[in-house]
Amino acid sequence: MKRFYKTASVDEAAGGGFEVRLDNRPIRSPAKAPLVFASWPLAQAVAAEWDAQPEDIAPDSMPLMQLASTAVDLIGKGRAAIVDGVAAYAETDLLCYRAEHPRNLVERQAQRWQPLLDWATLRYDAPLHVNAGLMPKPQPPEALRALRNAVEAYDDWTLSALQTATGSCGSLIVALALVEGRIDAQEAFEVSQLDETFQIEAWGEDPEATKRRAALRVDIAACRRFVDLLRA
């Protein structure tokens, strides 16, 4: 899509909140729904994404806009299924499956992962079992219910960021810690990519893995920035 506007700006919406305007026309989601931002800083950041577009608009270069559109177009309509899908990550959370060897990987996982599981136990009253190896094992139903309740408590916009972060990290616990400010985007990337980083240190990294990891880093950072701006 070619750039069809000269400027992007932010103004107050008629019914409250803020809207991004392209040449004084309010933007809409891909499904043509109105996009009204509760936060002025978030609206400004989305306007900056539009303003930075070259002659050919690249939607993938506007992660904040994508998260906002997801909140309006998808989560608002399919909230229950999305909550279920995000919460289901706790059943096989990355942090609960530990290597049995080599020793330095085992120690690194325990050092970086266990504090986040301990945090989730205290924060949500949701103790999860840690397993050696990759075979799935059932988690305590009461812990899974507590984590689902935590996911369900978020508004649609925060849930949009949590959903993306959970998929990018492969871990509901890491995503919750990111959204709640327990860890920053860099740490979320590092702990979720711990195994891959360990393998890269030993064997090197191929170009496809480099590209994939870079994209994950951008997605995780965007989720944290989205939540920070939403709450600003």
Protein backbone atom coordinates (compact mmCIF):
# COMPACT_ATOMS: atom_id res chain seq x y z
CA MET A 1 0.00 0.00 0.00
CA LYS A 2 1.31 3.39 -1.00
CA ARG A 3 1.48 6.20 1.53
CA PHE A 4 -1.67 8.25 0.95
CA TYR A 5 -1.27 10.92 3.63
CA LYS A 6 1.17 13.69 4.48
CA THR A 7 1.01 13.88 8.27
CA ALA A 8 -0.03 11.81 11.27
CA SER A 9 -1.29 13.53 14.41
CA VAL A 10 -3.19 12.86 17.65
CA ASP A 11 -6.33 14.56 18.87
CA GLU A 12 -9.07 13.95 21.40
CA ALA A 13 -11.83 11.59 20.26
CA ALA A 14 -15.40 12.82 20.37
CA GLY A 15 -16.53 10.28 22.95
CA GLY A 16 -13.40 10.45 25.08
CA GLY A 17 -9.92 9.07 24.67
CA PHE A 18 -7.60 9.88 21.80
CA GLU A 19 -7.41 9.06 18.11
CA VAL A 20 -4.66 9.06 15.52
CA ARG A 21 -5.45 11.07 12.42
CA LEU A 22 -3.92 10.86 8.97
CA ASP A 23 -4.40 14.24 7.33
CA ASN A 24 -7.15 14.85 9.91
CA ARG A 25 -8.97 11.57 9.16
CA PRO A 26 -9.15 9.11 12.10
CA ILE A 27 -7.45 5.79 11.49
CA ARG A 28 -9.39 2.57 11.74
CA SER A 29 -8.41 -1.02 12.36
CA PRO A 30 -8.00 -3.48 9.47
CA ALA A 31 -11.61 -4.54 10.17
CA LYS A 32 -12.66 -0.87 9.85
CA ALA A 33 -13.40 -0.47 13.55
CA PRO A 34 -12.66 2.86 15.27
CA LEU A 35 -9.35 2.93 17.13
CA VAL A 36 -9.72 5.00 20.30
CA PHE A 37 -6.72 5.04 22.61
CA ALA A 38 -7.14 5.44 26.35
CA SER A 39 -3.58 6.75 26.62
CA TRP A 40 -2.22 9.87 24.94
CA PRO A 41 1.39 8.52 24.95
CA LEU A 42 0.29 5.32 23.19
CA ALA A 43 -1.66 7.27 20.59
CA GLN A 44 1.39 9.47 20.00
CA ALA A 45 3.62 6.41 19.56
CA VAL A 46 1.22 4.90 17.02
CA ALA A 47 1.08 8.22 15.17
CA ALA A 48 4.88 8.20 15.08
CA GLU A 49 4.80 4.74 13.47
CA TRP A 50 2.51 6.07 10.73
CA ASP A 51 4.58 9.23 10.35
CA ALA A 52 7.78 7.17 9.89
CA GLN A 53 6.40 5.19 6.95
CA PRO A 54 8.17 5.65 3.62
CA GLU A 55 6.45 5.76 0.26
CA ASP A 56 5.42 2.11 0.60
CA ILE A 57 3.66 1.40 3.91
CA ALA A 58 5.00 -1.65 5.75
CA PRO A 59 2.49 -2.86 8.38
CA ASP A 60 5.11 -5.14 9.97
CA SER A 61 7.10 -2.05 10.90
CA MET A 62 4.20 -0.81 13.06
CA PRO A 63 4.01 -3.30 15.97
CA LEU A 64 2.12 -0.93 18.27
CA MET A 65 -0.53 -0.40 15.62
CA GLN A 66 -0.78 -4.17 15.16
CA LEU A 67 -1.27 -4.76 18.88
CA ALA A 68 -3.95 -2.08 19.07
CA SER A 69 -5.75 -3.54 16.05
CA THR A 70 -5.63 -7.02 17.55
CA ALA A 71 -7.21 -5.70 20.74
CA VAL A 72 -10.10 -4.16 18.82
CA ASP A 73 -10.64 -6.63 15.98
CA LEU A 74 -9.85 -10.01 17.52
CA ILE A 75 -9.83 -9.96 21.30
CA GLY A 76 -13.02 -8.00 21.65
CA LYS A 77 -14.87 -10.59 19.56
CA GLY A 78 -13.20 -13.82 20.67
CA ARG A 79 -12.05 -13.00 24.18
CA ALA A 80 -12.98 -16.28 25.89
CA ALA A 81 -11.16 -18.43 23.33
CA ILE A 82 -8.10 -16.18 23.45
CA VAL A 83 -7.99 -16.28 27.25
CA ASP A 84 -8.19 -20.07 27.07
CA GLY A 85 -5.41 -20.23 24.50
CA VAL A 86 -3.06 -17.97 26.43
CA ALA A 87 -3.75 -19.66 29.76
CA ALA A 88 -3.14 -23.10 28.21
CA TYR A 89 0.57 -22.29 27.90
CA ALA A 90 0.83 -22.85 31.66
CA GLU A 91 0.10 -26.53 31.13
CA THR A 92 3.45 -26.99 29.35
CA ASP A 93 5.28 -23.81 30.27
CA LEU A 94 8.83 -23.54 28.98
CA LEU A 95 10.22 -22.81 32.45
CA CYS A 96 8.94 -26.12 33.82
CA TYR A 97 10.91 -28.39 31.47
CA ARG A 98 14.54 -28.63 32.42
CA ALA A 99 17.51 -30.29 30.78
CA GLU A 100 19.10 -33.29 32.50
CA HIS A 101 22.55 -32.51 31.08
CA PRO A 102 25.03 -30.91 30.46
CA ARG A 103 25.55 -29.56 33.93
CA ASN A 104 26.20 -25.94 32.92
CA LEU A 105 22.88 -25.81 31.04
CA VAL A 106 21.06 -27.34 34.01
CA GLU A 107 22.58 -24.73 36.30
CA ARG A 108 21.82 -21.88 33.91
CA GLN A 109 18.18 -22.90 33.63
CA ALA A 110 17.81 -23.12 37.40
CA GLN A 111 19.47 -19.75 37.89
CA ARG A 112 17.40 -17.86 35.31
CA TRP A 113 14.09 -19.74 35.34
CA GLN A 114 13.42 -20.71 38.93
CA PRO A 115 13.16 -17.11 40.25
CA LEU A 116 10.35 -16.45 37.79
CA LEU A 117 8.47 -19.57 38.84
CA ASP A 118 8.94 -18.55 42.47
CA TRP A 119 7.60 -15.08 41.63
CA ALA A 120 4.51 -16.61 39.96
CA THR A 121 3.92 -18.79 43.02
CA LEU A 122 3.89 -15.75 45.29
CA ARG A 123 2.16 -13.36 42.88
CA TYR A 124 -0.66 -15.64 41.76
CA ASP A 125 -0.63 -18.47 44.30
CA ALA A 126 0.16 -20.73 41.35
CA PRO A 127 2.98 -23.19 42.09
CA LEU A 128 3.95 -25.16 38.99
CA HIS A 129 5.84 -28.44 38.98
CA VAL A 130 9.31 -28.59 37.41
CA ASN A 131 10.10 -31.66 35.31
CA ALA A 132 13.37 -33.10 34.04
CA GLY A 133 13.14 -33.95 30.36
CA LEU A 134 10.54 -33.10 27.71
CA MET A 135 7.70 -35.50 28.52
CA PRO A 136 4.61 -33.51 29.55
CA LYS A 137 3.34 -33.94 33.09
CA PRO A 138 0.12 -32.58 34.58
CA GLN A 139 0.25 -29.32 36.50
CA PRO A 140 -1.83 -28.68 39.65
CA PRO A 141 -5.39 -27.73 38.58
CA GLU A 142 -5.58 -25.01 41.22
CA ALA A 143 -2.41 -23.39 39.83
CA LEU A 144 -3.79 -23.51 36.30
CA ARG A 145 -7.05 -21.93 37.46
CA ALA A 146 -5.18 -19.16 39.25
CA LEU A 147 -3.13 -18.35 36.16
CA ARG A 148 -6.21 -18.40 33.95
CA ASN A 149 -7.89 -15.96 36.31
CA ALA A 150 -4.84 -13.71 36.05
CA VAL A 151 -5.05 -13.75 32.25
CA GLU A 152 -8.79 -13.14 32.26
CA ALA A 153 -8.42 -10.11 34.54
CA TYR A 154 -6.58 -8.07 31.90
CA ASP A 155 -8.42 -5.62 29.67
CA ASP A 156 -8.50 -6.32 25.93
CA TRP A 157 -5.56 -4.05 25.14
CA THR A 158 -3.23 -5.50 27.75
CA LEU A 159 -4.37 -9.00 26.79
CA SER A 160 -3.31 -8.25 23.22
CA ALA A 161 0.24 -7.63 24.42
CA LEU A 162 0.16 -10.63 26.75
CA GLN A 163 -1.02 -12.93 23.96
CA THR A 164 1.78 -11.87 21.64
CA ALA A 165 4.40 -12.01 24.39
CA THR A 166 3.28 -15.50 25.45
CA GLY A 167 3.60 -16.83 21.93
CA SER A 168 6.94 -15.12 21.36
CA CYS A 169 8.39 -16.36 24.65
CA GLY A 170 6.75 -19.78 24.65
CA SER A 171 5.94 -19.16 28.29
CA LEU A 172 2.97 -17.66 30.08
CA ILE A 173 5.10 -17.06 33.18
CA VAL A 174 7.69 -15.04 31.26
CA ALA A 175 4.95 -13.06 29.51
CA LEU A 176 3.18 -12.28 32.78
CA ALA A 177 6.46 -11.19 34.33
CA LEU A 178 7.06 -8.91 31.33
CA VAL A 179 3.59 -7.34 31.41
CA GLU A 180 3.68 -6.92 35.19
CA GLY A 181 7.09 -5.25 35.09
CA ARG A 182 8.88 -8.03 36.96
CA ILE A 183 11.39 -8.24 34.09
CA ASP A 184 12.22 -6.01 31.14
CA ALA A 185 12.12 -6.95 27.46
CA GLN A 186 15.80 -7.86 27.33
CA GLU A 187 15.50 -10.32 30.20
CA ALA A 188 12.31 -11.79 28.75
CA PHE A 189 14.14 -12.45 25.50
CA GLU A 190 17.16 -13.91 27.28
CA VAL A 191 15.27 -16.31 29.53
CA SER A 192 12.92 -17.47 26.78
CA GLN A 193 15.84 -18.03 24.39
CA LEU A 194 18.15 -19.57 27.00
CA ASP A 195 18.29 -23.02 25.40
CA GLU A 196 18.80 -21.63 21.91
CA THR A 197 21.52 -19.29 23.12
CA PHE A 198 23.30 -22.19 24.81
CA GLN A 199 23.29 -24.15 21.54
CA ILE A 200 24.52 -21.12 19.60
CA GLU A 201 27.41 -20.69 22.01
CA ALA A 202 28.43 -24.27 21.32
CA TRP A 203 27.72 -24.63 17.60
CA GLY A 204 27.19 -21.17 16.14
CA GLU A 205 24.09 -19.60 14.60
CA ASP A 206 22.72 -19.93 11.09
CA PRO A 207 21.24 -16.92 9.24
CA GLU A 208 17.65 -18.13 9.56
CA ALA A 209 17.98 -18.49 13.32
CA THR A 210 19.52 -15.03 13.52
CA LYS A 211 16.59 -13.56 11.61
CA ARG A 212 14.02 -15.43 13.69
CA ARG A 213 15.58 -14.40 16.99
CA ALA A 214 15.78 -10.77 15.88
CA ALA A 215 12.06 -10.80 15.07
CA LEU A 216 11.24 -12.31 18.46
CA ARG A 217 13.32 -9.65 20.20
CA VAL A 218 11.38 -6.91 18.38
CA ASP A 219 8.01 -8.49 19.22
CA ILE A 220 8.85 -8.87 22.91
CA ALA A 221 10.13 -5.30 23.15
CA ALA A 222 7.00 -4.00 21.41
CA CYS A 223 4.76 -5.80 23.89
CA ARG A 224 6.49 -4.24 26.86
CA ARG A 225 6.51 -0.78 25.28
CA PHE A 226 2.82 -1.11 24.38
CA VAL A 227 1.88 -1.90 27.98
CA ASP A 228 4.10 0.85 29.38
CA LEU A 229 2.55 3.43 27.05
CA LEU A 230 -0.96 2.15 27.73
CA ARG A 231 -0.43 2.69 31.45
CA ALA A 232 1.43 5.97 31.14
